[in-house]
Amino acid sequence: MTGQFEIFRDGTRFWFRLTGEEREVLAVSGAFAEKAQAAKAIMAVRENAAAGHIVDKSPTAASAKPARKTCSRLAHRAGRQPSRPRGGPELHGTQTGPATRSKLKFLIHLDIDMSEARIQVRGRVTELNLAAVYAVARRTSTIVSGPAVVLDLRQAAVGVIPLGDLRSACQSGELPAATGSAPTPCRLKILEPAAA
């Protein structure tokens, strides 16, 4: 992600924007009551971008060459070829597609006075990527001074084991420890996905 952050004042409120290399506006924040709050929000965006939680989707970030088709038609032999290798697992109902389908997408809503935060999660939450959910919640809890961080999972597909882990984090009032650190106190609330 390339660009420069700028804080500006509009009356009594502060805003920040991200401008590109040619001074084009890439993103604009909401209004903040104090300049320090806007600076804190900029730091949060930078930290999340450095951790890889924010992805640049601008046209300049994409490669100029289109992806080549790497598959070829199978030669028709007598009879039908098996769709899976012998001895391999049979896959029913799985969809193939771009690798971005398995990635989590986060949208963090911060209240103007930095007292509340809501993290909207999209994608498939599994045991393998649950640490990323905790990392975003941990960073968000350091920014807000309010009572709780709301984790909105209504637009995500959540496995049974990760949902159980998140529920226990809500009850304990602590986020599990990251590698080499102590558990983080955080009052987490969950908006659970609808039962299928």
N, C-alpha and C. Protein backbone atom coordinates (compact mmCIF):
# COMPACT_ATOMS: atom_id res chain seq x y z
N MET A 1 0.85 -1.16 0.00
CA MET A 1 0.00 0.00 0.00
C MET A 1 0.90 1.22 0.00
N THR A 2 0.73 2.07 -0.99
CA THR A 2 1.54 3.28 -1.08
C THR A 2 0.63 4.48 -0.92
N GLY A 3 1.17 5.56 -0.41
CA GLY A 3 0.40 6.77 -0.24
C GLY A 3 0.85 7.53 0.99
N GLN A 4 0.15 8.63 1.25
CA GLN A 4 0.51 9.50 2.36
C GLN A 4 -0.76 9.88 3.10
N PHE A 5 -0.70 9.87 4.44
CA PHE A 5 -1.83 10.29 5.25
C PHE A 5 -1.76 11.79 5.49
N GLU A 6 -2.92 12.44 5.46
CA GLU A 6 -3.01 13.87 5.74
C GLU A 6 -4.16 14.11 6.70
N ILE A 7 -3.90 14.87 7.75
CA ILE A 7 -4.97 15.26 8.68
C ILE A 7 -5.39 16.67 8.31
N PHE A 8 -6.70 16.89 8.23
CA PHE A 8 -7.19 18.24 7.96
C PHE A 8 -8.37 18.54 8.86
N ARG A 9 -8.65 19.82 9.01
CA ARG A 9 -9.70 20.28 9.91
C ARG A 9 -10.83 20.86 9.10
N ASP A 10 -12.03 20.48 9.48
CA ASP A 10 -13.24 20.97 8.84
C ASP A 10 -14.14 21.53 9.94
N GLY A 11 -14.01 22.81 10.21
CA GLY A 11 -14.78 23.41 11.31
C GLY A 11 -14.17 23.00 12.63
N THR A 12 -14.93 22.24 13.42
CA THR A 12 -14.44 21.80 14.73
C THR A 12 -14.00 20.34 14.73
N ARG A 13 -14.12 19.67 13.61
CA ARG A 13 -13.80 18.24 13.53
C ARG A 13 -12.54 18.01 12.70
N PHE A 14 -11.90 16.88 12.97
CA PHE A 14 -10.69 16.49 12.25
C PHE A 14 -10.98 15.26 11.40
N TRP A 15 -10.38 15.21 10.23
CA TRP A 15 -10.51 14.09 9.30
C TRP A 15 -9.12 13.70 8.86
N PHE A 16 -8.97 12.51 8.34
CA PHE A 16 -7.72 12.20 7.65
C PHE A 16 -8.05 11.53 6.34
N ARG A 17 -7.12 11.66 5.42
CA ARG A 17 -7.30 11.03 4.12
C ARG A 17 -5.97 10.42 3.70
N LEU A 18 -6.08 9.43 2.84
CA LEU A 18 -4.92 8.78 2.27
C LEU A 18 -4.85 9.21 0.82
N THR A 19 -3.72 9.82 0.44
CA THR A 19 -3.55 10.27 -0.94
C THR A 19 -2.49 9.42 -1.62
N GLY A 20 -2.64 9.24 -2.92
CA GLY A 20 -1.72 8.44 -3.70
C GLY A 20 -0.50 9.22 -4.15
N GLU A 21 0.28 8.58 -4.99
CA GLU A 21 1.53 9.18 -5.47
C GLU A 21 1.29 10.44 -6.29
N GLU A 22 0.16 10.52 -6.97
CA GLU A 22 -0.15 11.69 -7.79
C GLU A 22 -1.17 12.59 -7.10
N ARG A 23 -1.22 12.52 -5.77
CA ARG A 23 -2.09 13.35 -4.92
C ARG A 23 -3.57 13.04 -5.09
N GLU A 24 -3.91 11.91 -5.70
CA GLU A 24 -5.32 11.53 -5.80
C GLU A 24 -5.76 10.97 -4.45
N VAL A 25 -7.01 11.22 -4.08
CA VAL A 25 -7.54 10.76 -2.80
C VAL A 25 -7.94 9.30 -2.92
N LEU A 26 -7.33 8.45 -2.08
CA LEU A 26 -7.62 7.02 -2.09
C LEU A 26 -8.66 6.63 -1.05
N ALA A 27 -8.64 7.30 0.11
CA ALA A 27 -9.58 6.98 1.19
C ALA A 27 -9.75 8.20 2.08
N VAL A 28 -10.94 8.34 2.68
CA VAL A 28 -11.23 9.43 3.60
C VAL A 28 -11.85 8.82 4.85
N SER A 29 -11.43 9.30 6.01
CA SER A 29 -11.95 8.78 7.27
C SER A 29 -13.26 9.46 7.64
N GLY A 30 -13.82 9.02 8.75
CA GLY A 30 -14.94 9.71 9.35
C GLY A 30 -14.41 10.88 10.17
N ALA A 31 -15.30 11.61 10.81
CA ALA A 31 -14.90 12.79 11.58
C ALA A 31 -14.46 12.39 12.99
N PHE A 32 -13.46 13.10 13.52
CA PHE A 32 -12.96 12.89 14.87
C PHE A 32 -13.05 14.22 15.62
N ALA A 33 -13.35 14.15 16.91
CA ALA A 33 -13.48 15.37 17.72
C ALA A 33 -12.12 16.00 18.00
N GLU A 34 -11.08 15.19 18.13
CA GLU A 34 -9.75 15.70 18.46
C GLU A 34 -8.72 15.20 17.45
N LYS A 35 -7.66 15.97 17.32
CA LYS A 35 -6.60 15.60 16.39
C LYS A 35 -5.89 14.32 16.84
N ALA A 36 -5.76 14.13 18.15
CA ALA A 36 -5.09 12.94 18.68
C ALA A 36 -5.86 11.67 18.31
N GLN A 37 -7.18 11.75 18.26
CA GLN A 37 -7.98 10.59 17.88
C GLN A 37 -7.75 10.23 16.41
N ALA A 38 -7.65 11.24 15.56
CA ALA A 38 -7.37 10.99 14.14
C ALA A 38 -5.99 10.37 13.98
N ALA A 39 -5.02 10.86 14.75
CA ALA A 39 -3.66 10.30 14.68
C ALA A 39 -3.64 8.85 15.15
N LYS A 40 -4.42 8.52 16.20
CA LYS A 40 -4.52 7.14 16.67
C LYS A 40 -5.11 6.24 15.59
N ALA A 41 -6.11 6.73 14.90
CA ALA A 41 -6.74 5.94 13.84
C ALA A 41 -5.77 5.70 12.69
N ILE A 42 -4.96 6.71 12.36
CA ILE A 42 -3.95 6.55 11.31
C ILE A 42 -2.95 5.48 11.72
N MET A 43 -2.53 5.50 12.98
CA MET A 43 -1.59 4.49 13.46
C MET A 43 -2.20 3.09 13.37
N ALA A 44 -3.49 2.98 13.67
CA ALA A 44 -4.15 1.68 13.59
C ALA A 44 -4.19 1.17 12.16
N VAL A 45 -4.47 2.07 11.22
CA VAL A 45 -4.50 1.67 9.81
C VAL A 45 -3.10 1.23 9.37
N ARG A 46 -2.08 1.97 9.77
CA ARG A 46 -0.71 1.62 9.39
C ARG A 46 -0.30 0.27 9.99
N GLU A 47 -0.64 0.03 11.27
CA GLU A 47 -0.28 -1.24 11.91
C GLU A 47 -0.98 -2.41 11.23
N ASN A 48 -2.26 -2.24 10.92
CA ASN A 48 -2.99 -3.32 10.26
C ASN A 48 -2.48 -3.56 8.85
N ALA A 49 -2.06 -2.50 8.17
CA ALA A 49 -1.49 -2.68 6.82
C ALA A 49 -0.15 -3.39 6.90
N ALA A 50 0.66 -3.03 7.90
CA ALA A 50 1.97 -3.66 8.05
C ALA A 50 1.84 -5.14 8.42
N ALA A 51 0.78 -5.47 9.16
CA ALA A 51 0.56 -6.87 9.56
C ALA A 51 -0.07 -7.69 8.44
N GLY A 52 -0.43 -7.02 7.35
CA GLY A 52 -1.01 -7.75 6.21
C GLY A 52 -2.51 -7.89 6.28
N HIS A 53 -3.17 -7.18 7.20
CA HIS A 53 -4.62 -7.28 7.33
C HIS A 53 -5.35 -6.37 6.35
N ILE A 54 -4.63 -5.43 5.72
CA ILE A 54 -5.22 -4.53 4.74
C ILE A 54 -4.56 -4.82 3.40
N VAL A 55 -5.35 -5.01 2.39
CA VAL A 55 -4.84 -5.36 1.07
C VAL A 55 -5.13 -4.22 0.12
N ASP A 56 -4.13 -3.83 -0.66
CA ASP A 56 -4.28 -2.78 -1.66
C ASP A 56 -4.97 -3.36 -2.88
N LYS A 57 -6.16 -2.83 -3.21
CA LYS A 57 -6.90 -3.33 -4.36
C LYS A 57 -6.95 -2.30 -5.49
N SER A 58 -6.03 -1.35 -5.46
CA SER A 58 -6.00 -0.34 -6.51
C SER A 58 -5.52 -0.96 -7.81
N PRO A 59 -5.89 -0.36 -8.96
CA PRO A 59 -5.47 -0.92 -10.25
C PRO A 59 -3.96 -0.98 -10.42
N THR A 60 -3.21 -0.07 -9.79
CA THR A 60 -1.76 -0.09 -9.94
C THR A 60 -1.14 -1.24 -9.17
N ALA A 61 -1.83 -1.76 -8.17
CA ALA A 61 -1.29 -2.87 -7.39
C ALA A 61 -1.40 -4.19 -8.14
N ALA A 62 -2.37 -4.28 -9.03
CA ALA A 62 -2.55 -5.51 -9.80
C ALA A 62 -1.49 -5.56 -10.89
N SER A 63 -1.12 -6.75 -11.26
CA SER A 63 -0.12 -6.88 -12.32
C SER A 63 -0.72 -6.47 -13.65
N ALA A 64 0.09 -5.97 -14.53
CA ALA A 64 -0.39 -5.48 -15.82
C ALA A 64 -0.76 -6.62 -16.74
N LYS A 65 -0.11 -7.77 -16.61
CA LYS A 65 -0.40 -8.90 -17.48
C LYS A 65 -1.54 -9.72 -16.92
N PRO A 66 -2.47 -10.12 -17.76
CA PRO A 66 -3.52 -11.01 -17.26
C PRO A 66 -2.94 -12.38 -16.98
N ALA A 67 -3.57 -13.08 -16.05
CA ALA A 67 -3.09 -14.42 -15.71
C ALA A 67 -3.31 -15.36 -16.88
N ARG A 68 -2.31 -16.19 -17.15
CA ARG A 68 -2.42 -17.15 -18.24
C ARG A 68 -3.19 -18.36 -17.78
N LYS A 69 -3.89 -18.95 -18.71
CA LYS A 69 -4.61 -20.17 -18.41
C LYS A 69 -3.61 -21.31 -18.40
N THR A 70 -3.50 -22.00 -17.28
CA THR A 70 -2.49 -23.04 -17.16
C THR A 70 -3.04 -24.44 -17.35
N CYS A 71 -4.33 -24.57 -17.48
CA CYS A 71 -4.89 -25.90 -17.64
C CYS A 71 -5.11 -26.19 -19.12
N SER A 72 -5.12 -27.44 -19.46
CA SER A 72 -5.36 -27.83 -20.84
C SER A 72 -6.45 -28.90 -20.86
N ARG A 73 -7.03 -29.09 -22.02
CA ARG A 73 -8.06 -30.11 -22.14
C ARG A 73 -7.44 -31.49 -21.98
N LEU A 74 -8.16 -32.37 -21.33
CA LEU A 74 -7.69 -33.74 -21.19
C LEU A 74 -7.95 -34.48 -22.49
N ALA A 75 -7.01 -35.30 -22.87
CA ALA A 75 -7.18 -36.09 -24.08
C ALA A 75 -8.26 -37.13 -23.84
N HIS A 76 -9.14 -37.28 -24.79
CA HIS A 76 -10.23 -38.24 -24.64
C HIS A 76 -9.71 -39.64 -24.89
N ARG A 77 -9.84 -40.46 -23.91
CA ARG A 77 -9.43 -41.86 -24.04
C ARG A 77 -10.67 -42.72 -24.02
N ALA A 78 -10.45 -43.97 -24.26
CA ALA A 78 -11.59 -44.89 -24.25
C ALA A 78 -12.20 -44.86 -22.86
N GLY A 79 -13.45 -44.59 -22.80
CA GLY A 79 -14.13 -44.51 -21.51
C GLY A 79 -13.89 -43.17 -20.85
N ARG A 80 -14.38 -43.03 -19.68
CA ARG A 80 -14.28 -41.77 -18.94
C ARG A 80 -13.13 -41.84 -17.95
N GLN A 81 -12.37 -40.75 -17.85
CA GLN A 81 -11.26 -40.71 -16.91
C GLN A 81 -11.78 -40.40 -15.51
N PRO A 82 -11.14 -40.95 -14.50
CA PRO A 82 -11.59 -40.64 -13.15
C PRO A 82 -11.33 -39.17 -12.83
N SER A 83 -12.21 -38.60 -12.02
CA SER A 83 -12.08 -37.19 -11.68
C SER A 83 -11.12 -36.97 -10.52
N ARG A 84 -10.66 -38.04 -9.90
CA ARG A 84 -9.71 -37.92 -8.80
C ARG A 84 -8.67 -39.01 -8.92
N PRO A 85 -7.50 -38.80 -8.36
CA PRO A 85 -6.49 -39.84 -8.42
C PRO A 85 -6.91 -41.04 -7.58
N ARG A 86 -6.44 -42.21 -7.97
CA ARG A 86 -6.80 -43.42 -7.22
C ARG A 86 -6.25 -43.34 -5.81
N GLY A 87 -7.10 -43.69 -4.87
CA GLY A 87 -6.70 -43.67 -3.48
C GLY A 87 -6.82 -42.31 -2.83
N GLY A 88 -7.14 -41.28 -3.59
CA GLY A 88 -7.29 -39.94 -3.04
C GLY A 88 -8.67 -39.75 -2.44
N PRO A 89 -8.85 -38.73 -1.64
CA PRO A 89 -10.15 -38.51 -1.01
C PRO A 89 -11.17 -38.06 -2.04
N GLU A 90 -12.39 -38.46 -1.83
CA GLU A 90 -13.47 -38.04 -2.72
C GLU A 90 -14.01 -36.72 -2.20
N LEU A 91 -14.14 -35.76 -3.06
CA LEU A 91 -14.56 -34.42 -2.67
C LEU A 91 -15.95 -34.15 -3.23
N HIS A 92 -16.92 -34.03 -2.35
CA HIS A 92 -18.28 -33.73 -2.77
C HIS A 92 -18.62 -32.30 -2.37
N GLY A 93 -19.22 -31.57 -3.28
CA GLY A 93 -19.73 -30.25 -2.97
C GLY A 93 -18.69 -29.19 -2.72
N THR A 94 -17.45 -29.43 -3.03
CA THR A 94 -16.44 -28.40 -2.84
C THR A 94 -16.38 -27.53 -4.07
N GLN A 95 -16.12 -26.27 -3.86
CA GLN A 95 -16.02 -25.34 -4.97
C GLN A 95 -14.57 -24.93 -5.13
N THR A 96 -14.15 -24.88 -6.37
CA THR A 96 -12.81 -24.38 -6.61
C THR A 96 -12.93 -22.94 -7.07
N GLY A 97 -11.93 -22.16 -6.81
CA GLY A 97 -11.98 -20.76 -7.22
C GLY A 97 -10.72 -20.06 -6.78
N PRO A 98 -10.74 -18.74 -6.82
CA PRO A 98 -9.55 -17.99 -6.47
C PRO A 98 -9.18 -18.18 -5.00
N ALA A 99 -7.90 -18.00 -4.72
CA ALA A 99 -7.41 -18.17 -3.35
C ALA A 99 -7.98 -17.14 -2.41
N THR A 100 -8.50 -16.03 -2.91
CA THR A 100 -9.03 -14.99 -2.03
C THR A 100 -10.31 -15.41 -1.33
N ARG A 101 -10.95 -16.48 -1.79
CA ARG A 101 -12.16 -16.93 -1.11
C ARG A 101 -11.87 -17.42 0.30
N SER A 102 -10.68 -17.93 0.53
CA SER A 102 -10.34 -18.44 1.85
C SER A 102 -9.78 -17.35 2.76
N LYS A 103 -9.57 -16.16 2.25
CA LYS A 103 -9.02 -15.09 3.07
C LYS A 103 -10.13 -14.41 3.86
N LEU A 104 -9.77 -13.93 5.03
CA LEU A 104 -10.71 -13.18 5.84
C LEU A 104 -10.64 -11.71 5.45
N LYS A 105 -11.78 -11.06 5.49
CA LYS A 105 -11.85 -9.64 5.21
C LYS A 105 -12.41 -8.96 6.45
N PHE A 106 -11.74 -7.91 6.91
CA PHE A 106 -12.15 -7.19 8.11
C PHE A 106 -12.53 -5.77 7.74
N LEU A 107 -13.61 -5.29 8.35
CA LEU A 107 -14.00 -3.89 8.25
C LEU A 107 -14.21 -3.40 9.68
N ILE A 108 -13.42 -2.43 10.10
CA ILE A 108 -13.47 -1.97 11.48
C ILE A 108 -14.18 -0.63 11.53
N HIS A 109 -15.27 -0.59 12.29
CA HIS A 109 -16.04 0.63 12.48
C HIS A 109 -15.66 1.21 13.84
N LEU A 110 -15.12 2.42 13.86
CA LEU A 110 -14.77 3.10 15.10
C LEU A 110 -15.75 4.23 15.34
N ASP A 111 -16.21 4.35 16.58
CA ASP A 111 -17.08 5.45 16.95
C ASP A 111 -16.27 6.74 16.92
N ILE A 112 -16.95 7.86 16.72
CA ILE A 112 -16.26 9.15 16.59
C ILE A 112 -15.43 9.46 17.83
N ASP A 113 -15.97 9.18 19.01
CA ASP A 113 -15.22 9.48 20.23
C ASP A 113 -14.34 8.31 20.69
N MET A 114 -14.14 7.34 19.81
CA MET A 114 -13.27 6.18 20.06
C MET A 114 -13.71 5.37 21.28
N SER A 115 -15.01 5.37 21.58
CA SER A 115 -15.48 4.61 22.73
C SER A 115 -16.00 3.24 22.34
N GLU A 116 -16.34 3.04 21.08
CA GLU A 116 -16.86 1.75 20.63
C GLU A 116 -16.19 1.35 19.33
N ALA A 117 -16.10 0.05 19.14
CA ALA A 117 -15.55 -0.48 17.89
C ALA A 117 -16.33 -1.72 17.51
N ARG A 118 -16.58 -1.86 16.22
CA ARG A 118 -17.24 -3.07 15.70
C ARG A 118 -16.38 -3.59 14.56
N ILE A 119 -16.03 -4.87 14.66
CA ILE A 119 -15.22 -5.52 13.64
C ILE A 119 -16.13 -6.43 12.84
N GLN A 120 -16.33 -6.09 11.58
CA GLN A 120 -17.16 -6.91 10.70
C GLN A 120 -16.23 -7.88 9.96
N VAL A 121 -16.55 -9.17 10.06
CA VAL A 121 -15.70 -10.21 9.47
C VAL A 121 -16.45 -10.88 8.33
N ARG A 122 -15.77 -11.04 7.22
CA ARG A 122 -16.31 -11.80 6.08
C ARG A 122 -15.30 -12.87 5.71
N GLY A 123 -15.81 -13.97 5.21
CA GLY A 123 -14.95 -15.08 4.82
C GLY A 123 -15.23 -16.29 5.70
N ARG A 124 -14.33 -17.26 5.66
CA ARG A 124 -14.50 -18.50 6.42
C ARG A 124 -13.51 -18.50 7.58
N VAL A 125 -14.04 -18.49 8.81
CA VAL A 125 -13.21 -18.52 10.01
C VAL A 125 -12.98 -19.99 10.38
N THR A 126 -11.71 -20.39 10.41
CA THR A 126 -11.33 -21.76 10.74
C THR A 126 -10.34 -21.74 11.90
N GLU A 127 -9.94 -22.94 12.35
CA GLU A 127 -8.93 -23.01 13.41
C GLU A 127 -7.60 -22.43 12.93
N LEU A 128 -7.35 -22.52 11.62
CA LEU A 128 -6.07 -22.06 11.07
C LEU A 128 -5.97 -20.54 11.02
N ASN A 129 -7.09 -19.83 10.79
CA ASN A 129 -7.01 -18.38 10.68
C ASN A 129 -7.65 -17.65 11.86
N LEU A 130 -8.01 -18.38 12.91
CA LEU A 130 -8.60 -17.75 14.09
C LEU A 130 -7.61 -16.79 14.75
N ALA A 131 -6.32 -17.07 14.64
CA ALA A 131 -5.30 -16.18 15.22
C ALA A 131 -5.36 -14.79 14.58
N ALA A 132 -5.72 -14.71 13.29
CA ALA A 132 -5.84 -13.41 12.63
C ALA A 132 -7.02 -12.63 13.20
N VAL A 133 -8.11 -13.31 13.52
CA VAL A 133 -9.27 -12.65 14.13
C VAL A 133 -8.87 -12.09 15.49
N TYR A 134 -8.15 -12.90 16.28
CA TYR A 134 -7.68 -12.43 17.59
C TYR A 134 -6.71 -11.27 17.45
N ALA A 135 -5.85 -11.29 16.44
CA ALA A 135 -4.87 -10.21 16.25
C ALA A 135 -5.57 -8.89 15.94
N VAL A 136 -6.59 -8.93 15.08
CA VAL A 136 -7.33 -7.70 14.75
C VAL A 136 -8.10 -7.22 15.98
N ALA A 137 -8.72 -8.14 16.72
CA ALA A 137 -9.45 -7.75 17.94
C ALA A 137 -8.50 -7.17 18.98
N ARG A 138 -7.31 -7.76 19.11
CA ARG A 138 -6.32 -7.27 20.07
C ARG A 138 -5.89 -5.85 19.73
N ARG A 139 -5.59 -5.59 18.45
CA ARG A 139 -5.17 -4.25 18.04
C ARG A 139 -6.30 -3.24 18.19
N THR A 140 -7.52 -3.66 17.87
CA THR A 140 -8.66 -2.76 17.99
C THR A 140 -8.92 -2.42 19.45
N SER A 141 -8.76 -3.38 20.35
CA SER A 141 -9.02 -3.11 21.77
C SER A 141 -8.02 -2.12 22.36
N THR A 142 -6.83 -2.01 21.77
CA THR A 142 -5.86 -1.03 22.26
C THR A 142 -6.20 0.38 21.82
N ILE A 143 -7.03 0.50 20.79
CA ILE A 143 -7.38 1.82 20.26
C ILE A 143 -8.56 2.42 21.01
N VAL A 144 -9.60 1.61 21.22
CA VAL A 144 -10.83 2.13 21.81
C VAL A 144 -10.73 2.12 23.33
N SER A 145 -11.43 3.05 23.94
CA SER A 145 -11.44 3.13 25.40
C SER A 145 -12.79 2.72 25.96
N GLY A 146 -13.64 2.18 25.13
CA GLY A 146 -14.99 1.84 25.54
C GLY A 146 -15.10 0.51 26.24
N PRO A 147 -16.33 0.12 26.50
CA PRO A 147 -16.57 -1.09 27.28
C PRO A 147 -16.24 -2.39 26.56
N ALA A 148 -16.49 -2.47 25.26
CA ALA A 148 -16.30 -3.75 24.59
C ALA A 148 -16.02 -3.56 23.11
N VAL A 149 -15.46 -4.60 22.53
CA VAL A 149 -15.26 -4.68 21.08
C VAL A 149 -16.28 -5.68 20.56
N VAL A 150 -17.08 -5.26 19.58
CA VAL A 150 -18.11 -6.13 19.02
C VAL A 150 -17.54 -6.81 17.78
N LEU A 151 -17.60 -8.13 17.76
CA LEU A 151 -17.12 -8.93 16.64
C LEU A 151 -18.35 -9.42 15.87
N ASP A 152 -18.58 -8.83 14.70
CA ASP A 152 -19.76 -9.13 13.89
C ASP A 152 -19.42 -10.26 12.91
N LEU A 153 -19.94 -11.44 13.20
CA LEU A 153 -19.69 -12.63 12.37
C LEU A 153 -20.89 -13.00 11.52
N ARG A 154 -21.87 -12.12 11.41
CA ARG A 154 -23.11 -12.47 10.71
C ARG A 154 -22.90 -12.69 9.22
N GLN A 155 -21.84 -12.16 8.64
CA GLN A 155 -21.58 -12.36 7.21
C GLN A 155 -20.39 -13.28 6.98
N ALA A 156 -20.05 -14.07 7.99
CA ALA A 156 -18.92 -15.00 7.90
C ALA A 156 -19.42 -16.42 8.09
N ALA A 157 -18.66 -17.35 7.56
CA ALA A 157 -18.91 -18.78 7.81
C ALA A 157 -17.92 -19.19 8.89
N VAL A 158 -18.45 -19.61 10.03
CA VAL A 158 -17.61 -19.90 11.19
C VAL A 158 -17.73 -21.38 11.55
N GLY A 159 -16.59 -22.03 11.71
CA GLY A 159 -16.58 -23.43 12.11
C GLY A 159 -17.01 -23.59 13.56
N VAL A 160 -17.36 -24.80 13.94
CA VAL A 160 -17.85 -25.08 15.29
C VAL A 160 -16.75 -24.84 16.33
N ILE A 161 -15.54 -25.29 16.05
CA ILE A 161 -14.44 -25.14 17.01
C ILE A 161 -14.05 -23.67 17.18
N PRO A 162 -13.88 -22.88 16.10
CA PRO A 162 -13.55 -21.46 16.30
C PRO A 162 -14.65 -20.70 17.03
N LEU A 163 -15.92 -21.05 16.76
CA LEU A 163 -17.02 -20.36 17.44
C LEU A 163 -16.98 -20.67 18.93
N GLY A 164 -16.67 -21.91 19.29
CA GLY A 164 -16.54 -22.26 20.70
C GLY A 164 -15.40 -21.52 21.37
N ASP A 165 -14.27 -21.39 20.66
CA ASP A 165 -13.13 -20.64 21.21
C ASP A 165 -13.48 -19.17 21.41
N LEU A 166 -14.20 -18.58 20.45
CA LEU A 166 -14.60 -17.18 20.57
C LEU A 166 -15.58 -16.99 21.73
N ARG A 167 -16.49 -17.93 21.90
CA ARG A 167 -17.44 -17.84 23.03
C ARG A 167 -16.71 -17.91 24.36
N SER A 168 -15.71 -18.78 24.47
CA SER A 168 -14.96 -18.87 25.73
C SER A 168 -14.14 -17.60 25.97
N ALA A 169 -13.65 -16.95 24.90
CA ALA A 169 -12.95 -15.68 25.06
C ALA A 169 -13.90 -14.59 25.56
N CYS A 170 -15.16 -14.64 25.11
CA CYS A 170 -16.16 -13.68 25.60
C CYS A 170 -16.42 -13.88 27.09
N GLN A 171 -16.55 -15.13 27.50
CA GLN A 171 -16.85 -15.43 28.90
C GLN A 171 -15.68 -15.10 29.82
N SER A 172 -14.46 -15.35 29.35
CA SER A 172 -13.29 -15.11 30.21
C SER A 172 -12.90 -13.63 30.27
N GLY A 173 -13.28 -12.86 29.25
CA GLY A 173 -12.90 -11.44 29.22
C GLY A 173 -11.47 -11.22 28.79
N GLU A 174 -10.83 -12.26 28.21
CA GLU A 174 -9.45 -12.16 27.74
C GLU A 174 -9.32 -12.78 26.37
N LEU A 175 -8.49 -12.15 25.55
CA LEU A 175 -8.14 -12.74 24.26
C LEU A 175 -6.95 -13.65 24.48
N PRO A 176 -6.91 -14.81 23.83
CA PRO A 176 -5.78 -15.72 24.00
C PRO A 176 -4.46 -15.03 23.67
N ALA A 177 -3.42 -15.50 24.31
CA ALA A 177 -2.10 -14.89 24.15
C ALA A 177 -1.56 -15.14 22.75
N ALA A 178 -0.93 -14.11 22.21
CA ALA A 178 -0.18 -14.28 20.97
C ALA A 178 1.14 -14.94 21.35
N THR A 179 1.91 -15.35 20.37
CA THR A 179 3.17 -16.04 20.64
C THR A 179 4.08 -15.16 21.49
N GLY A 180 4.47 -15.66 22.65
CA GLY A 180 5.40 -14.95 23.51
C GLY A 180 4.81 -13.80 24.30
N SER A 181 3.50 -13.74 24.47
CA SER A 181 2.90 -12.65 25.24
C SER A 181 1.84 -13.22 26.18
N ALA A 182 1.38 -12.38 27.07
CA ALA A 182 0.34 -12.78 28.03
C ALA A 182 -1.04 -12.54 27.41
N PRO A 183 -2.07 -13.19 27.94
CA PRO A 183 -3.43 -12.93 27.43
C PRO A 183 -3.79 -11.45 27.56
N THR A 184 -4.56 -10.95 26.60
CA THR A 184 -4.94 -9.54 26.57
C THR A 184 -6.34 -9.38 27.15
N PRO A 185 -6.51 -8.53 28.18
CA PRO A 185 -7.87 -8.30 28.67
C PRO A 185 -8.68 -7.54 27.63
N CYS A 186 -9.84 -8.08 27.30
CA CYS A 186 -10.71 -7.46 26.29
C CYS A 186 -12.11 -7.98 26.49
N ARG A 187 -13.05 -7.08 26.64
CA ARG A 187 -14.45 -7.51 26.72
C ARG A 187 -14.96 -7.61 25.30
N LEU A 188 -15.11 -8.82 24.86
CA LEU A 188 -15.51 -9.11 23.49
C LEU A 188 -16.97 -9.52 23.46
N LYS A 189 -17.72 -8.96 22.53
CA LYS A 189 -19.10 -9.37 22.28
C LYS A 189 -19.15 -9.93 20.87
N ILE A 190 -19.96 -10.96 20.68
CA ILE A 190 -20.05 -11.60 19.37
C ILE A 190 -21.47 -11.50 18.84
N LEU A 191 -21.58 -11.06 17.59
CA LEU A 191 -22.83 -11.17 16.85
C LEU A 191 -22.67 -12.41 15.97
N GLU A 192 -23.31 -13.50 16.38
CA GLU A 192 -23.08 -14.79 15.75
C GLU A 192 -23.82 -14.92 14.43
N PRO A 193 -23.27 -15.74 13.53
CA PRO A 193 -23.97 -15.98 12.26
C PRO A 193 -25.24 -16.79 12.50
N ALA A 194 -26.19 -16.64 11.60
CA ALA A 194 -27.43 -17.39 11.72
C ALA A 194 -27.15 -18.87 11.53
N ALA A 195 -27.87 -19.69 12.27
CA ALA A 195 -27.68 -21.15 12.16
C ALA A 195 -28.15 -21.61 10.79
N ALA A 196 -27.38 -22.49 10.17
CA ALA A 196 -27.72 -22.97 8.83
C ALA A 196 -28.81 -24.00 8.88
